[in-house]
Amino acid sequence: MLISFAVTNFRSIKERAVIDLAKTAAKGLVNNYHAKFKLLNSAVLYGANASGKSGFLNAIRALEFLVLNSADFKPGKSIFLYDPFLLDRSCQNAPVVLEVSFLMEKVKYDYKVVYDTLNIVQEELYFYKGNSKALLFYREQNKEIKFGDYYKGAKKTIEKLLLPNQLFLSKAAENNVEALMQAYLFFAEQLDAYPVFDIEMEDDLKNFYAKRLAEDKNGLFTKRFNALICALDTGIQGVTIEETDWNKFRFPNAIPDEVKGRIQERFKYDIKTSHPLFENGEHVGEYTFEVKQESTGTKNLFALAGLIIDSLEYGRVLVVDELEKNLHPNITRFLIQLFHHPELNKNNAQLIFATHDITQLSNDIFRRDQVWFTEKNERGESILFRCSDLEGVRLNTPLDKWYVSGRFGATPIINDVDFLIAMQQEEEVEG
């Protein structure tokens, strides 16, 4: 489970911004947090466009990507995820700082990465033995790595192989260092970050889960996937998978066989949906559609459904930007509440998402310590703050009304006067 995540000097975030999933003393909605660990099952970010919501979620994805992929970085390769705050000259070449605390197999870990465009400037990993914080390793640029007493495994061998742009955690996992595997597996198996949920990402996820459904056939995942899609009033009665018939397609002669093979592998399966067929008002059978014929929102659901089912099944941390994209508010609410349901979320899955859907900002859905706001100050710096930390916010505060009225901030300030004046001006006539 995720305990907290912090970021400094990344995109529009200049000063350290942290989201904390430890429950506060705020009352209400006891199903919205894990009773033993006191960690919240979800957190939601609200704020104006370009206020920093996506930037914060992208920082989570950046750390996930570095841990999972930096072991393969080539010598001299720039760290393309280096994206510092640019509106202050002192920050433009300063390092990005990412910090995370998490539970893995009931053990707490603290992990910190500091990096610039070419180098890992600092990296450290601690774990907690009881209430005592113990070092696993500490690394600084151009210095010998310091290892704690509990670190067991290769040291000098990995140090010699380690490049300046690679994370030690990533390289150690590649070399099967047992002492660090649980920390690595949090990123590899427990964290799913999708800060950009665009058409390409939707297609990738649909193709991935089409393959899962084809391989699972009538298994538990398939049954749950069908049940979720059919439960959401999409008109779909069932989902089936068919292997793509490539004999119907003709590739241009100029396309190499290797490229053809990759395309055929990526789009190996077609998702089909069945709808009830009627004649003279009587149900006479079913009619099959290709998923591309479904609505934009339904296609989005096909990408989300698999992620949510897997998150609930394996207790993952799911990070999504604009969860409500093309969805009816009732469907969005249903998906959120899955993570708050004690019978459905037995494995401590967590959902972290950004949204503009004000209908979800309700005391019936979220505790005050689950709601976060982002806004920019006059210097273009994004600020992140929690609803429960604001003065005057109580258990019965109408969160949606207060937010719309601007009492929380984090809403756009629209300068309509200047625009109206500009629209009413006539073009100057020369001569």
Protein backbone atom coordinates (compact mmCIF):
# COMPACT_ATOMS: atom_id res chain seq x y z
CA MET A 1 0.00 0.00 0.00
CA LEU A 2 1.09 3.54 -0.69
CA ILE A 3 1.68 5.62 2.43
CA SER A 4 2.87 8.88 0.89
CA PHE A 5 4.47 10.37 -2.19
CA ALA A 6 6.37 13.65 -2.49
CA VAL A 7 7.87 15.57 -5.40
CA THR A 8 10.09 18.65 -5.66
CA ASN A 9 11.08 20.66 -8.76
CA PHE A 10 9.04 18.73 -11.30
CA ARG A 11 7.00 20.42 -14.03
CA SER A 12 4.91 23.14 -12.34
CA ILE A 13 5.78 21.90 -8.84
CA LYS A 14 8.65 23.96 -7.42
CA GLU A 15 8.49 23.41 -3.67
CA ARG A 16 8.02 19.98 -2.11
CA ALA A 17 4.44 18.72 -2.55
CA VAL A 18 3.30 15.62 -0.72
CA ILE A 19 0.17 13.49 -0.74
CA ASP A 20 -0.32 11.49 2.45
CA LEU A 21 -2.66 8.50 2.56
CA ALA A 22 -2.45 8.00 6.32
CA LYS A 23 -5.90 8.69 7.77
CA THR A 24 -6.27 11.69 10.02
CA ALA A 25 -8.49 12.11 13.06
CA ALA A 26 -11.33 13.15 10.74
CA LYS A 27 -14.46 11.10 11.35
CA GLY A 28 -16.80 9.34 8.97
CA LEU A 29 -16.80 6.62 6.28
CA VAL A 30 -14.93 3.90 8.16
CA ASN A 31 -14.89 1.68 5.07
CA ASN A 32 -12.70 4.19 3.25
CA TYR A 33 -9.51 3.18 5.05
CA HIS A 34 -7.69 0.03 6.06
CA ALA A 35 -8.56 -0.66 9.69
CA LYS A 36 -5.18 -2.12 10.68
CA PHE A 37 -2.74 0.09 8.78
CA LYS A 38 -4.91 3.24 8.94
CA LEU A 39 -4.26 3.95 5.27
CA LEU A 40 -6.87 5.45 2.96
CA ASN A 41 -8.24 3.39 0.09
CA SER A 42 -8.41 6.35 -2.27
CA ALA A 43 -7.40 9.96 -2.80
CA VAL A 44 -8.82 12.46 -5.28
CA LEU A 45 -7.22 15.61 -6.70
CA TYR A 46 -9.30 18.62 -7.74
CA GLY A 47 -8.07 21.82 -9.31
CA ALA A 48 -8.25 24.12 -12.31
CA ASN A 49 -6.78 23.16 -15.66
CA ALA A 50 -2.96 23.40 -15.62
CA SER A 51 -2.98 23.65 -11.81
CA GLY A 52 -0.59 20.72 -11.31
CA LYS A 53 -2.83 17.66 -10.91
CA SER A 54 -1.44 15.83 -13.92
CA GLY A 55 2.09 16.90 -13.06
CA PHE A 56 1.84 15.29 -9.65
CA LEU A 57 0.51 12.03 -11.09
CA ASN A 58 3.20 12.14 -13.78
CA ALA A 59 5.81 12.31 -11.03
CA ILE A 60 4.52 9.00 -9.65
CA ARG A 61 4.77 7.50 -13.12
CA ALA A 62 8.29 8.92 -13.55
CA LEU A 63 9.53 7.12 -10.45
CA GLU A 64 7.81 3.90 -11.50
CA PHE A 65 9.40 4.12 -14.95
CA LEU A 66 12.90 4.80 -13.62
CA VAL A 67 12.78 1.85 -11.23
CA LEU A 68 11.50 -0.55 -13.88
CA ASN A 69 13.59 0.63 -16.84
CA SER A 70 16.73 2.53 -15.88
CA ALA A 71 18.80 -0.67 -15.63
CA ASP A 72 18.62 -0.75 -19.44
CA PHE A 73 19.66 2.87 -19.97
CA LYS A 74 22.72 3.23 -22.23
CA PRO A 75 25.88 5.16 -21.28
CA GLY A 76 25.38 8.90 -21.67
CA LYS A 77 21.65 8.58 -22.28
CA SER A 78 19.75 11.54 -20.89
CA ILE A 79 17.05 10.87 -18.34
CA PHE A 80 14.13 12.11 -20.45
CA LEU A 81 11.87 12.20 -17.39
CA TYR A 82 13.93 15.11 -16.09
CA ASP A 83 11.39 17.93 -16.28
CA PRO A 84 12.25 20.69 -13.76
CA PHE A 85 10.30 23.81 -12.85
CA LEU A 86 11.21 26.39 -15.51
CA LEU A 87 9.71 29.62 -14.17
CA ASP A 88 12.52 30.14 -11.65
CA ARG A 89 16.08 30.33 -12.98
CA SER A 90 17.46 28.65 -9.87
CA CYS A 91 15.37 25.55 -10.63
CA GLN A 92 15.96 25.16 -14.36
CA ASN A 93 19.06 22.99 -13.92
CA ALA A 94 18.41 21.82 -10.38
CA PRO A 95 17.64 18.14 -9.70
CA VAL A 96 14.18 16.62 -9.41
CA VAL A 97 13.41 14.95 -6.08
CA LEU A 98 10.97 12.03 -5.79
CA GLU A 99 10.16 10.38 -2.45
CA VAL A 100 7.83 7.51 -1.64
CA SER A 101 6.83 5.54 1.46
CA PHE A 102 5.00 2.26 1.03
CA LEU A 103 4.10 -1.05 2.62
CA MET A 104 5.16 -4.29 1.01
CA GLU A 105 4.45 -7.61 2.74
CA LYS A 106 3.63 -5.59 5.89
CA VAL A 107 7.08 -3.95 5.88
CA LYS A 108 7.39 -0.19 5.51
CA TYR A 109 9.95 1.24 3.06
CA ASP A 110 11.17 4.79 2.44
CA TYR A 111 12.73 5.39 -0.98
CA LYS A 112 14.17 8.61 -2.38
CA VAL A 113 15.60 9.46 -5.80
CA VAL A 114 17.26 12.74 -6.80
CA TYR A 115 18.23 13.13 -10.46
CA ASP A 116 19.10 15.63 -13.16
CA THR A 117 19.28 15.33 -16.92
CA LEU A 118 22.20 12.86 -16.98
CA ASN A 119 22.79 11.57 -13.47
CA ILE A 120 21.24 9.98 -10.44
CA VAL A 121 22.44 12.54 -7.91
CA GLN A 122 21.22 10.67 -4.84
CA GLU A 123 19.34 7.45 -4.09
CA GLU A 124 18.48 5.92 -0.74
CA LEU A 125 16.35 3.08 0.56
CA TYR A 126 15.36 2.39 4.16
CA PHE A 127 13.03 -0.12 5.74
CA TYR A 128 11.48 -0.37 9.18
CA LYS A 129 12.27 -3.23 11.49
CA GLY A 130 9.53 -2.81 14.07
CA ASN A 131 9.58 0.91 14.81
CA SER A 132 13.27 1.32 13.98
CA LYS A 133 14.37 2.78 10.64
CA ALA A 134 17.19 0.76 9.07
CA LEU A 135 19.38 1.60 6.07
CA LEU A 136 19.52 -0.73 3.09
CA PHE A 137 21.70 1.51 0.90
CA TYR A 138 22.63 5.15 0.40
CA ARG A 139 24.17 6.48 -2.80
CA GLU A 140 25.53 9.87 -3.78
CA GLN A 141 26.91 10.90 -7.15
CA ASN A 142 30.65 10.15 -7.54
CA LYS A 143 30.84 8.50 -4.11
CA GLU A 144 31.02 4.92 -2.95
CA ILE A 145 27.65 3.42 -2.06
CA LYS A 146 27.03 2.94 1.65
CA PHE A 147 25.25 -0.28 2.61
CA GLY A 148 23.34 -1.01 5.81
CA ASP A 149 23.79 -4.06 8.01
CA TYR A 150 20.63 -5.67 6.63
CA TYR A 151 21.75 -5.48 3.02
CA LYS A 152 22.70 -8.95 1.80
CA GLY A 153 23.88 -9.55 -1.75
CA ALA A 154 26.28 -8.34 -4.42
CA LYS A 155 27.83 -4.93 -3.83
CA LYS A 156 31.04 -4.21 -5.74
CA THR A 157 29.90 -6.23 -8.75
CA ILE A 158 26.79 -4.10 -9.19
CA GLU A 159 28.64 -0.86 -8.42
CA LYS A 160 31.05 -1.59 -11.28
CA LEU A 161 28.16 -2.26 -13.66
CA LEU A 162 26.10 0.73 -12.51
CA LEU A 163 25.98 3.71 -14.86
CA PRO A 164 25.46 7.30 -13.63
CA ASN A 165 21.96 7.40 -15.16
CA GLN A 166 20.80 4.08 -13.67
CA LEU A 167 19.07 3.46 -10.35
CA PHE A 168 20.85 1.06 -8.01
CA LEU A 169 17.48 -0.46 -7.07
CA SER A 170 16.79 -1.20 -10.73
CA LYS A 171 20.25 -2.68 -11.32
CA ALA A 172 20.16 -4.72 -8.11
CA ALA A 173 16.79 -6.22 -9.05
CA GLU A 174 18.24 -7.16 -12.45
CA ASN A 175 20.91 -9.05 -10.50
CA ASN A 176 18.38 -10.68 -8.14
CA VAL A 177 19.56 -9.04 -4.91
CA GLU A 178 17.14 -10.64 -2.47
CA ALA A 179 17.33 -7.86 0.14
CA LEU A 180 15.87 -5.34 -2.32
CA MET A 181 13.40 -7.47 -4.25
CA GLN A 182 10.34 -6.62 -2.16
CA ALA A 183 10.96 -2.90 -2.64
CA TYR A 184 11.43 -3.42 -6.38
CA LEU A 185 8.30 -5.58 -6.64
CA PHE A 186 6.20 -2.73 -5.24
CA PHE A 187 6.91 -0.84 -8.47
CA ALA A 188 6.80 -3.92 -10.69
CA GLU A 189 3.65 -5.56 -9.34
CA GLN A 190 1.79 -3.22 -6.97
CA LEU A 191 1.90 0.18 -8.68
CA ASP A 192 -0.04 0.94 -11.89
CA ALA A 193 0.34 4.59 -12.89
CA TYR A 194 -1.53 5.97 -15.92
CA PRO A 195 -1.23 9.78 -15.73
CA VAL A 196 -1.96 10.10 -19.46
CA PHE A 197 -5.10 8.22 -20.42
CA ASP A 198 -5.26 9.07 -24.12
CA ILE A 199 -6.51 7.09 -27.13
CA GLU A 200 -3.16 5.35 -27.61
CA MET A 201 -3.10 4.25 -23.98
CA GLU A 202 -6.70 3.04 -24.21
CA ASP A 203 -5.83 1.01 -27.31
CA ASP A 204 -2.79 -0.52 -25.61
CA LEU A 205 -4.86 -1.51 -22.59
CA LYS A 206 -7.73 -2.87 -24.71
CA ASN A 207 -5.26 -4.99 -26.68
CA PHE A 208 -3.57 -6.19 -23.49
CA TYR A 209 -6.84 -7.22 -21.87
CA ALA A 210 -8.15 -8.73 -25.11
CA LYS A 211 -5.19 -11.09 -24.93
CA ARG A 212 -5.89 -11.76 -21.24
CA LEU A 213 -9.52 -12.58 -22.03
CA ALA A 214 -8.52 -14.85 -24.92
CA GLU A 215 -6.09 -16.77 -22.73
CA ASP A 216 -8.45 -16.86 -19.76
CA LYS A 217 -11.48 -17.97 -21.81
CA ASN A 218 -14.15 -18.92 -19.24
CA GLY A 219 -11.95 -18.22 -16.24
CA LEU A 220 -12.55 -15.96 -13.25
CA PHE A 221 -11.07 -12.83 -14.83
CA THR A 222 -13.33 -13.21 -17.88
CA LYS A 223 -16.41 -13.66 -15.69
CA ARG A 224 -15.55 -10.57 -13.64
CA PHE A 225 -14.76 -8.50 -16.73
CA ASN A 226 -18.09 -9.41 -18.32
CA ALA A 227 -19.95 -8.79 -15.08
CA LEU A 228 -18.47 -5.31 -14.69
CA ILE A 229 -19.10 -4.22 -18.29
CA CYS A 230 -22.65 -5.59 -18.26
CA ALA A 231 -23.43 -4.01 -14.86
CA LEU A 232 -22.88 -0.46 -16.10
CA ASP A 233 -25.97 -0.08 -18.30
CA THR A 234 -24.02 -0.01 -21.56
CA GLY A 235 -26.55 -2.23 -23.33
CA ILE A 236 -23.90 -4.93 -23.63
CA GLN A 237 -24.96 -8.46 -22.72
CA GLY A 238 -21.61 -10.12 -23.14
CA VAL A 239 -18.03 -9.76 -24.32
CA THR A 240 -16.23 -12.28 -26.53
CA ILE A 241 -12.79 -12.39 -28.11
CA GLU A 242 -11.99 -13.48 -31.63
CA GLU A 243 -8.59 -13.88 -33.23
CA THR A 244 -8.03 -11.34 -35.99
CA ASP A 245 -8.30 -12.75 -39.50
CA TRP A 246 -5.31 -11.17 -41.22
CA ASN A 247 -6.33 -12.65 -44.58
CA LYS A 248 -8.81 -9.77 -44.81
CA PHE A 249 -5.99 -7.22 -44.67
CA ARG A 250 -3.41 -6.32 -47.28
CA PHE A 251 -0.20 -4.69 -46.09
CA PRO A 252 1.68 -2.39 -48.47
CA ASN A 253 4.61 -4.18 -50.05
CA ALA A 254 7.04 -1.65 -48.59
CA ILE A 255 6.29 -2.69 -44.98
CA PRO A 256 9.02 -5.07 -43.70
CA ASP A 257 7.95 -8.49 -42.41
CA GLU A 258 9.28 -7.62 -38.95
CA VAL A 259 6.96 -4.61 -38.74
CA LYS A 260 4.03 -6.69 -40.03
CA GLY A 261 4.70 -9.24 -37.32
CA ARG A 262 4.67 -6.61 -34.58
CA ILE A 263 1.39 -5.17 -35.85
CA GLN A 264 -0.20 -8.61 -36.07
CA GLU A 265 0.94 -9.47 -32.55
CA ARG A 266 -0.32 -6.18 -31.10
CA PHE A 267 -3.74 -6.48 -32.73
CA LYS A 268 -3.97 -10.27 -32.54
CA TYR A 269 -7.43 -10.28 -30.98
CA ASP A 270 -10.69 -8.45 -31.65
CA ILE A 271 -13.11 -7.61 -28.85
CA LYS A 272 -16.75 -8.28 -29.75
CA THR A 273 -19.79 -7.10 -27.83
CA SER A 274 -23.24 -8.66 -27.98
CA HIS A 275 -26.46 -6.64 -27.72
CA PRO A 276 -30.07 -7.86 -27.60
CA LEU A 277 -31.76 -8.03 -31.02
CA PHE A 278 -35.48 -7.26 -31.37
CA GLU A 279 -38.17 -7.73 -34.01
CA ASN A 280 -41.55 -6.07 -33.58
CA GLY A 281 -40.69 -5.42 -29.95
CA GLU A 282 -39.86 -9.06 -29.25
CA HIS A 283 -36.41 -10.24 -28.21
CA VAL A 284 -35.30 -12.60 -30.98
CA GLY A 285 -31.58 -13.01 -30.37
CA GLU A 286 -28.31 -11.10 -30.19
CA TYR A 287 -26.40 -8.80 -32.50
CA THR A 288 -22.60 -8.58 -32.40
CA PHE A 289 -20.60 -5.36 -32.67
CA GLU A 290 -16.89 -4.71 -32.86
CA VAL A 291 -15.71 -2.68 -29.88
CA LYS A 292 -14.74 0.20 -32.20
CA GLN A 293 -18.47 0.62 -32.93
CA GLU A 294 -19.21 1.30 -29.26
CA SER A 295 -19.40 4.77 -27.75
CA THR A 296 -16.27 6.60 -26.64
CA GLY A 297 -17.21 6.13 -22.99
CA THR A 298 -17.79 2.40 -23.42
CA LYS A 299 -14.42 2.00 -25.14
CA ASN A 300 -12.86 3.84 -22.21
CA LEU A 301 -14.55 1.37 -19.86
CA PHE A 302 -12.92 -1.55 -21.66
CA ALA A 303 -9.53 -0.07 -20.76
CA LEU A 304 -10.48 0.78 -17.17
CA ALA A 305 -12.35 -2.43 -16.36
CA GLY A 306 -9.31 -4.68 -16.55
CA LEU A 307 -7.19 -2.27 -14.52
CA ILE A 308 -9.78 -2.03 -11.76
CA ILE A 309 -10.41 -5.78 -11.59
CA ASP A 310 -6.68 -6.47 -11.38
CA SER A 311 -6.20 -3.74 -8.75
CA LEU A 312 -8.90 -5.23 -6.53
CA GLU A 313 -7.65 -8.78 -7.09
CA TYR A 314 -3.97 -8.10 -6.38
CA GLY A 315 -4.20 -5.13 -4.01
CA ARG A 316 -2.54 -2.67 -6.38
CA VAL A 317 -2.21 1.10 -6.28
CA LEU A 318 -4.01 2.44 -9.37
CA VAL A 319 -3.12 5.98 -10.45
CA VAL A 320 -5.34 7.51 -13.16
CA ASP A 321 -5.77 11.02 -14.52
CA GLU A 322 -9.31 12.10 -15.43
CA LEU A 323 -10.99 8.92 -14.24
CA GLU A 324 -14.35 10.35 -15.32
CA LYS A 325 -13.29 10.81 -18.97
CA ASN A 326 -16.37 10.21 -21.18
CA LEU A 327 -18.19 8.44 -18.33
CA HIS A 328 -21.54 9.23 -16.75
CA PRO A 329 -21.09 10.49 -13.16
CA ASN A 330 -23.03 7.50 -11.79
CA ILE A 331 -20.57 5.11 -13.44
CA THR A 332 -17.60 7.07 -12.12
CA ARG A 333 -19.09 6.95 -8.64
CA PHE A 334 -19.65 3.20 -8.89
CA LEU A 335 -16.01 2.62 -9.90
CA ILE A 336 -14.74 4.75 -7.01
CA GLN A 337 -16.95 2.96 -4.50
CA LEU A 338 -15.50 -0.41 -5.52
CA PHE A 339 -12.34 0.63 -3.67
CA HIS A 340 -14.38 1.57 -0.59
CA HIS A 341 -16.32 -1.71 -0.51
CA PRO A 342 -15.02 -3.97 2.31
CA GLU A 343 -16.17 -7.16 0.60
CA LEU A 344 -14.82 -6.29 -2.85
CA ASN A 345 -11.58 -4.64 -1.75
CA LYS A 346 -10.24 -7.29 0.59
CA ASN A 347 -6.67 -6.95 -0.68
CA ASN A 348 -6.18 -3.27 0.19
CA ALA A 349 -6.21 -1.82 -3.32
CA GLN A 350 -5.91 1.97 -3.56
CA LEU A 351 -7.13 4.45 -6.15
CA ILE A 352 -5.45 7.82 -6.70
CA PHE A 353 -6.97 9.97 -9.40
CA ALA A 354 -7.53 13.50 -10.66
CA THR A 355 -10.91 14.74 -11.83
CA HIS A 356 -13.04 17.76 -12.70
CA ASP A 357 -16.26 15.89 -11.85
CA ILE A 358 -17.69 17.95 -9.01
CA THR A 359 -20.60 15.53 -8.52
CA GLN A 360 -18.14 13.15 -6.83
CA LEU A 361 -17.08 15.79 -4.28
CA SER A 362 -19.44 14.56 -1.60
CA ASN A 363 -19.28 13.53 2.05
CA ASP A 364 -21.12 10.38 1.00
CA ILE A 365 -18.15 9.30 -1.12
CA PHE A 366 -15.02 10.81 0.40
CA ARG A 367 -13.68 11.61 3.82
CA ARG A 368 -12.19 15.08 4.14
CA ASP A 369 -8.66 13.62 4.35
CA GLN A 370 -9.13 11.90 0.98
CA VAL A 371 -9.72 15.15 -0.91
CA TRP A 372 -6.77 17.19 -2.20
CA PHE A 373 -6.65 20.46 -4.12
CA THR A 374 -4.06 21.94 -6.48
CA GLU A 375 -3.71 25.57 -7.48
CA LYS A 376 -1.05 27.86 -8.87
CA ASN A 377 0.24 30.99 -7.18
CA GLU A 378 1.18 34.21 -8.95
CA ARG A 379 4.65 32.80 -9.73
CA GLY A 380 3.25 29.80 -11.60
CA GLU A 381 4.08 27.37 -8.79
CA SER A 382 1.64 24.54 -8.09
CA ILE A 383 0.54 24.12 -4.49
CA LEU A 384 -1.03 20.91 -3.16
CA PHE A 385 -3.17 20.95 -0.01
CA ARG A 386 -5.65 18.68 1.75
CA CYS A 387 -9.27 19.50 2.45
CA SER A 388 -9.13 18.30 6.07
CA ASP A 389 -6.30 20.76 6.79
CA LEU A 390 -8.47 23.76 5.93
CA GLU A 391 -10.00 25.74 8.77
CA GLY A 392 -13.75 25.44 9.19
CA VAL A 393 -14.22 22.21 7.21
CA ARG A 394 -16.41 19.83 9.20
CA LEU A 395 -18.06 16.45 8.76
CA ASN A 396 -21.24 17.99 7.33
CA THR A 397 -19.58 20.65 5.16
CA PRO A 398 -21.10 20.60 1.63
CA LEU A 399 -17.79 20.07 -0.13
CA ASP A 400 -19.12 20.50 -3.67
CA LYS A 401 -20.87 23.81 -2.91
CA TRP A 402 -17.86 25.20 -1.06
CA TYR A 403 -15.58 24.21 -3.93
CA VAL A 404 -17.76 25.74 -6.65
CA SER A 405 -18.11 28.95 -4.63
CA GLY A 406 -14.32 29.22 -4.42
CA ARG A 407 -14.01 28.79 -0.65
CA PHE A 408 -11.34 26.11 -1.13
CA GLY A 409 -9.55 27.95 -3.92
CA ALA A 410 -8.23 25.58 -6.64
CA THR A 411 -10.75 26.90 -9.20
CA PRO A 412 -9.98 28.88 -12.36
CA ILE A 413 -10.14 32.67 -12.20
CA ILE A 414 -11.67 33.62 -15.53
CA ASN A 415 -10.92 37.12 -16.80
CA ASP A 416 -13.98 37.56 -18.99
CA VAL A 417 -13.80 41.37 -19.03
CA ASP A 418 -10.59 41.59 -21.08
CA PHE A 419 -11.93 38.99 -23.49
CA LEU A 420 -15.23 40.84 -23.96
CA ILE A 421 -13.38 44.10 -24.59
CA ALA A 422 -11.13 42.41 -27.16
CA MET A 423 -14.13 40.86 -28.92
CA GLN A 424 -15.90 44.22 -29.13
CA GLN A 425 -12.95 46.09 -30.54
CA GLU A 426 -13.10 46.85 -34.24
CA GLU A 427 -10.09 46.26 -36.44
CA GLU A 428 -8.05 49.37 -37.05
CA VAL A 429 -8.41 50.59 -40.59
CA GLU A 430 -5.16 51.64 -42.18
CA GLY A 431 -4.85 54.87 -44.21
